[in-house]
Amino acid sequence: MIEALYRSAGHLIRRAHQLHDTVFGEVVARFDITSPQYAALLAIAEFPGLEQGALSELIAYDRSTIGGLIDRLEGKDLVRRTIGARDRRTRLLSLTPAGATMLRKLRQQTPLVQQRLLSPLSPSERELFLEMLGRVVNISRSLERLPGSAGGADRPSDPLGPAAEENQDNGQPSRRRAG
């Protein structure tokens, strides 16, 4: 019976996630940053002025707890929140100079995480593994958008939609992800 558990996709994905968190923590320990915080920094750097809710979708982070993640980044002086000019209820995110510096340092270290995590695989197996895992994740995203599921039908199809509009209103170029 336990063999069935060890061959279960859910169990293996959970274990892989645990391993990732452990390796990530070891590689970037001196920076006091978590994997979701790193993902947020990457997204904010690529899409300055991104709205907080759009960030949660872009990095697949729960909308109800994204505020806490941003609070922690703001507390470390890595991210700045500003009130939207068009809609004062929105909070637009940008990196501080310290956040940009931190991200530059992290980007030098984080490839070691994937290298260590995937070290049992050959280079061709790594590519195949990532391709297959990507397909699983993309199928999961489409299922999340079904009516009645978490996120449901009211979830925007383009997480950058509101942020892109806000940026255009401020005279900044819109940065949208390619198709």
C-alpha atoms as a PDB file:
ATOM      1  CA  MET A   1       0.000   0.000   0.000  1.00  0.00           C
ATOM      2  CA  ILE A   2       2.745   2.479   0.828  1.00  0.00           C
ATOM      3  CA  GLU A   3       4.213   1.810  -2.647  1.00  0.00           C
ATOM      4  CA  ALA A   4       1.068   3.322  -4.159  1.00  0.00           C
ATOM      5  CA  LEU A   5       1.685   6.486  -2.150  1.00  0.00           C
ATOM      6  CA  TYR A   6       5.296   6.676  -3.351  1.00  0.00           C
ATOM      7  CA  ARG A   7       4.057   6.485  -6.949  1.00  0.00           C
ATOM      8  CA  SER A   8       1.266   9.037  -6.465  1.00  0.00           C
ATOM      9  CA  ALA A   9       1.680  12.292  -8.425  1.00  0.00           C
ATOM     10  CA  GLY A  10       0.316  14.382  -5.567  1.00  0.00           C
ATOM     11  CA  HIS A  11       2.680  12.884  -3.021  1.00  0.00           C
ATOM     12  CA  LEU A  12       5.691  13.205  -5.327  1.00  0.00           C
ATOM     13  CA  ILE A  13       4.843  16.821  -6.219  1.00  0.00           C
ATOM     14  CA  ARG A  14       4.476  17.657  -2.516  1.00  0.00           C
ATOM     15  CA  ARG A  15       7.831  16.022  -1.747  1.00  0.00           C
ATOM     16  CA  ALA A  16       9.472  17.826  -4.672  1.00  0.00           C
ATOM     17  CA  HIS A  17       8.063  21.092  -3.315  1.00  0.00           C
ATOM     18  CA  GLN A  18       9.510  20.315   0.125  1.00  0.00           C
ATOM     19  CA  LEU A  19      12.889  19.579  -1.446  1.00  0.00           C
ATOM     20  CA  HIS A  20      12.733  22.799  -3.431  1.00  0.00           C
ATOM     21  CA  ASP A  21      11.981  24.828  -0.321  1.00  0.00           C
ATOM     22  CA  THR A  22      14.878  23.195   1.525  1.00  0.00           C
ATOM     23  CA  VAL A  23      17.378  23.731  -1.298  1.00  0.00           C
ATOM     24  CA  PHE A  24      16.136  27.288  -1.946  1.00  0.00           C
ATOM     25  CA  GLY A  25      16.499  28.091   1.751  1.00  0.00           C
ATOM     26  CA  GLU A  26      20.056  26.737   1.819  1.00  0.00           C
ATOM     27  CA  VAL A  27      21.172  28.535  -1.349  1.00  0.00           C
ATOM     28  CA  VAL A  28      19.772  31.966  -0.451  1.00  0.00           C
ATOM     29  CA  ALA A  29      19.874  31.749   3.368  1.00  0.00           C
ATOM     30  CA  ARG A  30      21.993  34.883   3.748  1.00  0.00           C
ATOM     31  CA  PHE A  31      19.364  36.957   1.900  1.00  0.00           C
ATOM     32  CA  ASP A  32      16.444  36.125   4.244  1.00  0.00           C
ATOM     33  CA  ILE A  33      14.014  35.693   1.347  1.00  0.00           C
ATOM     34  CA  THR A  34      11.485  32.988   0.486  1.00  0.00           C
ATOM     35  CA  SER A  35      10.755  31.470  -2.895  1.00  0.00           C
ATOM     36  CA  PRO A  36       7.369  33.262  -3.207  1.00  0.00           C
ATOM     37  CA  GLN A  37       9.033  36.566  -2.260  1.00  0.00           C
ATOM     38  CA  TYR A  38      11.647  35.974  -4.953  1.00  0.00           C
ATOM     39  CA  ALA A  39       8.886  35.249  -7.489  1.00  0.00           C
ATOM     40  CA  ALA A  40       7.187  38.507  -6.499  1.00  0.00           C
ATOM     41  CA  LEU A  41      10.411  40.489  -6.923  1.00  0.00           C
ATOM     42  CA  LEU A  42      10.938  38.981 -10.383  1.00  0.00           C
ATOM     43  CA  ALA A  43       7.385  39.790 -11.484  1.00  0.00           C
ATOM     44  CA  ILE A  44       7.459  43.338 -10.097  1.00  0.00           C
ATOM     45  CA  ALA A  45      10.798  43.985 -11.803  1.00  0.00           C
ATOM     46  CA  GLU A  46       9.428  42.798 -15.128  1.00  0.00           C
ATOM     47  CA  PHE A  47       6.123  44.653 -14.779  1.00  0.00           C
ATOM     48  CA  PRO A  48       6.695  47.879 -12.776  1.00  0.00           C
ATOM     49  CA  GLY A  49       3.405  49.317 -11.576  1.00  0.00           C
ATOM     50  CA  LEU A  50       1.812  45.871 -11.372  1.00  0.00           C
ATOM     51  CA  GLU A  51      -1.358  45.836  -9.277  1.00  0.00           C
ATOM     52  CA  GLN A  52      -1.220  43.694  -6.152  1.00  0.00           C
ATOM     53  CA  GLY A  53      -4.097  41.423  -7.215  1.00  0.00           C
ATOM     54  CA  ALA A  54      -2.554  40.868 -10.638  1.00  0.00           C
ATOM     55  CA  LEU A  55       0.719  39.907  -8.944  1.00  0.00           C
ATOM     56  CA  SER A  56      -1.042  37.143  -7.026  1.00  0.00           C
ATOM     57  CA  GLU A  57      -2.302  35.619 -10.253  1.00  0.00           C
ATOM     58  CA  LEU A  58       0.944  36.122 -12.131  1.00  0.00           C
ATOM     59  CA  ILE A  59       2.966  34.198  -9.525  1.00  0.00           C
ATOM     60  CA  ALA A  60       0.111  31.811  -8.605  1.00  0.00           C
ATOM     61  CA  TYR A  61      -0.138  33.065  -5.027  1.00  0.00           C
ATOM     62  CA  ASP A  62      -3.353  33.205  -3.001  1.00  0.00           C
ATOM     63  CA  ARG A  63      -5.061  36.611  -3.338  1.00  0.00           C
ATOM     64  CA  SER A  64      -6.087  36.525   0.320  1.00  0.00           C
ATOM     65  CA  THR A  65      -2.467  36.303   1.527  1.00  0.00           C
ATOM     66  CA  ILE A  66      -0.582  38.304  -1.124  1.00  0.00           C
ATOM     67  CA  GLY A  67      -0.931  41.400   1.051  1.00  0.00           C
ATOM     68  CA  GLY A  68       1.124  39.774   3.809  1.00  0.00           C
ATOM     69  CA  LEU A  69       3.828  38.789   1.347  1.00  0.00           C
ATOM     70  CA  ILE A  70       3.985  42.383   0.072  1.00  0.00           C
ATOM     71  CA  ASP A  71       3.961  43.685   3.673  1.00  0.00           C
ATOM     72  CA  ARG A  72       7.085  41.612   4.385  1.00  0.00           C
ATOM     73  CA  LEU A  73       8.849  42.815   1.220  1.00  0.00           C
ATOM     74  CA  GLU A  74       7.885  46.403   2.023  1.00  0.00           C
ATOM     75  CA  GLY A  75       9.147  45.935   5.594  1.00  0.00           C
ATOM     76  CA  LYS A  76      12.527  44.879   4.159  1.00  0.00           C
ATOM     77  CA  ASP A  77      12.494  48.029   1.954  1.00  0.00           C
ATOM     78  CA  LEU A  78      12.490  45.887  -1.210  1.00  0.00           C
ATOM     79  CA  VAL A  79       9.090  46.924  -2.603  1.00  0.00           C
ATOM     80  CA  ARG A  80       7.096  50.143  -2.658  1.00  0.00           C
ATOM     81  CA  ARG A  81       3.292  50.336  -2.860  1.00  0.00           C
ATOM     82  CA  THR A  82       1.678  53.419  -4.336  1.00  0.00           C
ATOM     83  CA  ILE A  83      -1.987  54.302  -4.676  1.00  0.00           C
ATOM     84  CA  GLY A  84      -3.348  54.057  -8.219  1.00  0.00           C
ATOM     85  CA  ALA A  85      -4.027  57.406  -9.873  1.00  0.00           C
ATOM     86  CA  ARG A  86      -7.167  56.181 -11.667  1.00  0.00           C
ATOM     87  CA  ASP A  87      -8.545  53.942  -8.927  1.00  0.00           C
ATOM     88  CA  ARG A  88      -7.425  54.851  -5.425  1.00  0.00           C
ATOM     89  CA  ARG A  89      -8.375  51.362  -4.198  1.00  0.00           C
ATOM     90  CA  THR A  90      -5.553  49.802  -6.204  1.00  0.00           C
ATOM     91  CA  ARG A  91      -2.029  49.389  -4.942  1.00  0.00           C
ATOM     92  CA  LEU A  92       0.685  49.517  -7.579  1.00  0.00           C
ATOM     93  CA  LEU A  93       3.979  47.800  -6.887  1.00  0.00           C
ATOM     94  CA  SER A  94       7.529  48.734  -7.777  1.00  0.00           C
ATOM     95  CA  LEU A  95      10.968  47.704  -6.598  1.00  0.00           C
ATOM     96  CA  THR A  96      12.963  50.056  -4.421  1.00  0.00           C
ATOM     97  CA  PRO A  97      16.661  50.521  -5.244  1.00  0.00           C
ATOM     98  CA  ALA A  98      17.398  48.019  -2.452  1.00  0.00           C
ATOM     99  CA  GLY A  99      14.912  45.603  -4.042  1.00  0.00           C
ATOM    100  CA  ALA A 100      16.599  45.903  -7.439  1.00  0.00           C
ATOM    101  CA  THR A 101      19.996  45.256  -5.833  1.00  0.00           C
ATOM    102  CA  MET A 102      18.641  42.266  -3.902  1.00  0.00           C
ATOM    103  CA  LEU A 103      17.074  40.818  -7.033  1.00  0.00           C
ATOM    104  CA  ARG A 104      20.330  41.184  -8.961  1.00  0.00           C
ATOM    105  CA  LYS A 105      22.171  39.225  -6.234  1.00  0.00           C
ATOM    106  CA  LEU A 106      19.443  36.573  -5.991  1.00  0.00           C
ATOM    107  CA  ARG A 107      19.425  36.013  -9.755  1.00  0.00           C
ATOM    108  CA  GLN A 108      23.079  35.047  -9.517  1.00  0.00           C
ATOM    109  CA  GLN A 109      22.317  32.411  -6.856  1.00  0.00           C
ATOM    110  CA  THR A 110      18.951  30.903  -7.810  1.00  0.00           C
ATOM    111  CA  PRO A 111      20.174  28.850 -10.812  1.00  0.00           C
ATOM    112  CA  LEU A 112      22.000  26.741  -8.202  1.00  0.00           C
ATOM    113  CA  VAL A 113      18.608  25.756  -6.758  1.00  0.00           C
ATOM    114  CA  GLN A 114      17.425  24.187 -10.005  1.00  0.00           C
ATOM    115  CA  GLN A 115      20.833  22.670 -10.641  1.00  0.00           C
ATOM    116  CA  ARG A 116      20.852  20.957  -7.233  1.00  0.00           C
ATOM    117  CA  LEU A 117      17.199  19.974  -7.366  1.00  0.00           C
ATOM    118  CA  LEU A 118      17.462  18.362 -10.797  1.00  0.00           C
ATOM    119  CA  SER A 119      20.975  16.931 -10.360  1.00  0.00           C
ATOM    120  CA  PRO A 120      19.799  13.280 -10.480  1.00  0.00           C
ATOM    121  CA  LEU A 121      18.569  13.870 -14.067  1.00  0.00           C
ATOM    122  CA  SER A 122      20.584  14.057 -17.268  1.00  0.00           C
ATOM    123  CA  PRO A 123      20.333  17.328 -19.242  1.00  0.00           C
ATOM    124  CA  SER A 124      17.818  15.795 -21.670  1.00  0.00           C
ATOM    125  CA  GLU A 125      15.782  14.366 -18.774  1.00  0.00           C
ATOM    126  CA  ARG A 126      15.740  17.825 -17.132  1.00  0.00           C
ATOM    127  CA  GLU A 127      14.304  19.387 -20.283  1.00  0.00           C
ATOM    128  CA  LEU A 128      11.691  16.646 -20.599  1.00  0.00           C
ATOM    129  CA  PHE A 129      10.803  16.833 -16.894  1.00  0.00           C
ATOM    130  CA  LEU A 130      10.307  20.610 -17.044  1.00  0.00           C
ATOM    131  CA  GLU A 131       8.281  20.357 -20.246  1.00  0.00           C
ATOM    132  CA  MET A 132       5.989  17.698 -18.765  1.00  0.00           C
ATOM    133  CA  LEU A 133       5.630  19.516 -15.450  1.00  0.00           C
ATOM    134  CA  GLY A 134       4.778  22.688 -17.369  1.00  0.00           C
ATOM    135  CA  ARG A 135       2.015  20.839 -19.203  1.00  0.00           C
ATOM    136  CA  VAL A 136       0.579  19.592 -15.904  1.00  0.00           C
ATOM    137  CA  VAL A 137       0.651  23.119 -14.458  1.00  0.00           C
ATOM    138  CA  ASN A 138      -0.971  24.628 -17.573  1.00  0.00           C
ATOM    139  CA  ILE A 139      -3.789  22.068 -17.435  1.00  0.00           C
ATOM    140  CA  SER A 140      -4.255  22.917 -13.758  1.00  0.00           C
ATOM    141  CA  ARG A 141      -4.532  26.621 -14.613  1.00  0.00           C
ATOM    142  CA  SER A 142      -7.306  25.956 -17.109  1.00  0.00           C
ATOM    143  CA  LEU A 143      -9.151  23.868 -14.498  1.00  0.00           C
ATOM    144  CA  GLU A 144      -8.819  26.690 -11.950  1.00  0.00           C
ATOM    145  CA  ARG A 145     -10.767  28.956 -14.306  1.00  0.00           C
ATOM    146  CA  LEU A 146     -13.799  26.672 -14.474  1.00  0.00           C
ATOM    147  CA  PRO A 147     -16.960  28.048 -12.849  1.00  0.00           C
ATOM    148  CA  GLY A 148     -17.316  26.777  -9.305  1.00  0.00           C
ATOM    149  CA  SER A 149     -13.605  26.193  -8.788  1.00  0.00           C
ATOM    150  CA  ALA A 150     -11.254  28.225  -6.603  1.00  0.00           C
ATOM    151  CA  GLY A 151     -10.711  31.424  -8.529  1.00  0.00           C
ATOM    152  CA  GLY A 152     -13.715  30.603 -10.708  1.00  0.00           C
ATOM    153  CA  ALA A 153     -15.074  32.420 -13.711  1.00  0.00           C
ATOM    154  CA  ASP A 154     -14.580  35.893 -12.239  1.00  0.00           C
ATOM    155  CA  ARG A 155     -10.829  35.473 -12.417  1.00  0.00           C
ATOM    156  CA  PRO A 156      -9.289  37.722 -15.074  1.00  0.00           C
ATOM    157  CA  SER A 157      -7.849  35.979 -18.113  1.00  0.00           C
ATOM    158  CA  ASP A 158      -4.900  38.384 -18.279  1.00  0.00           C
ATOM    159  CA  PRO A 159      -3.396  39.098 -14.868  1.00  0.00           C
ATOM    160  CA  LEU A 160      -1.749  42.210 -16.269  1.00  0.00           C
ATOM    161  CA  GLY A 161      -4.961  43.733 -17.599  1.00  0.00           C
ATOM    162  CA  PRO A 162      -5.659  46.281 -14.810  1.00  0.00           C
ATOM    163  CA  ALA A 163      -1.974  47.042 -14.256  1.00  0.00           C
ATOM    164  CA  ALA A 164      -1.368  47.557 -17.949  1.00  0.00           C
ATOM    165  CA  GLU A 165      -4.283  50.012 -18.127  1.00  0.00           C
ATOM    166  CA  GLU A 166      -3.008  51.873 -15.062  1.00  0.00           C
ATOM    167  CA  ASN A 167       0.461  52.151 -16.585  1.00  0.00           C
ATOM    168  CA  GLN A 168      -0.962  53.592 -19.806  1.00  0.00           C
ATOM    169  CA  ASP A 169      -2.877  56.214 -17.812  1.00  0.00           C
ATOM    170  CA  ASN A 170       0.375  57.274 -16.156  1.00  0.00           C
ATOM    171  CA  GLY A 171       2.070  57.666 -19.509  1.00  0.00           C
ATOM    172  CA  GLN A 172       4.214  54.564 -18.943  1.00  0.00           C
ATOM    173  CA  PRO A 173       4.374  51.928 -21.666  1.00  0.00           C
ATOM    174  CA  SER A 174       2.222  48.884 -21.100  1.00  0.00           C
ATOM    175  CA  ARG A 175       4.180  45.675 -20.474  1.00  0.00           C
ATOM    176  CA  ARG A 176       2.183  42.611 -21.382  1.00  0.00           C
ATOM    177  CA  ARG A 177       3.302  39.039 -21.478  1.00  0.00           C
ATOM    178  CA  ALA A 178       3.507  37.454 -24.888  1.00  0.00           C
ATOM    179  CA  GLY A 179       0.491  35.272 -25.743  1.00  0.00           C
END
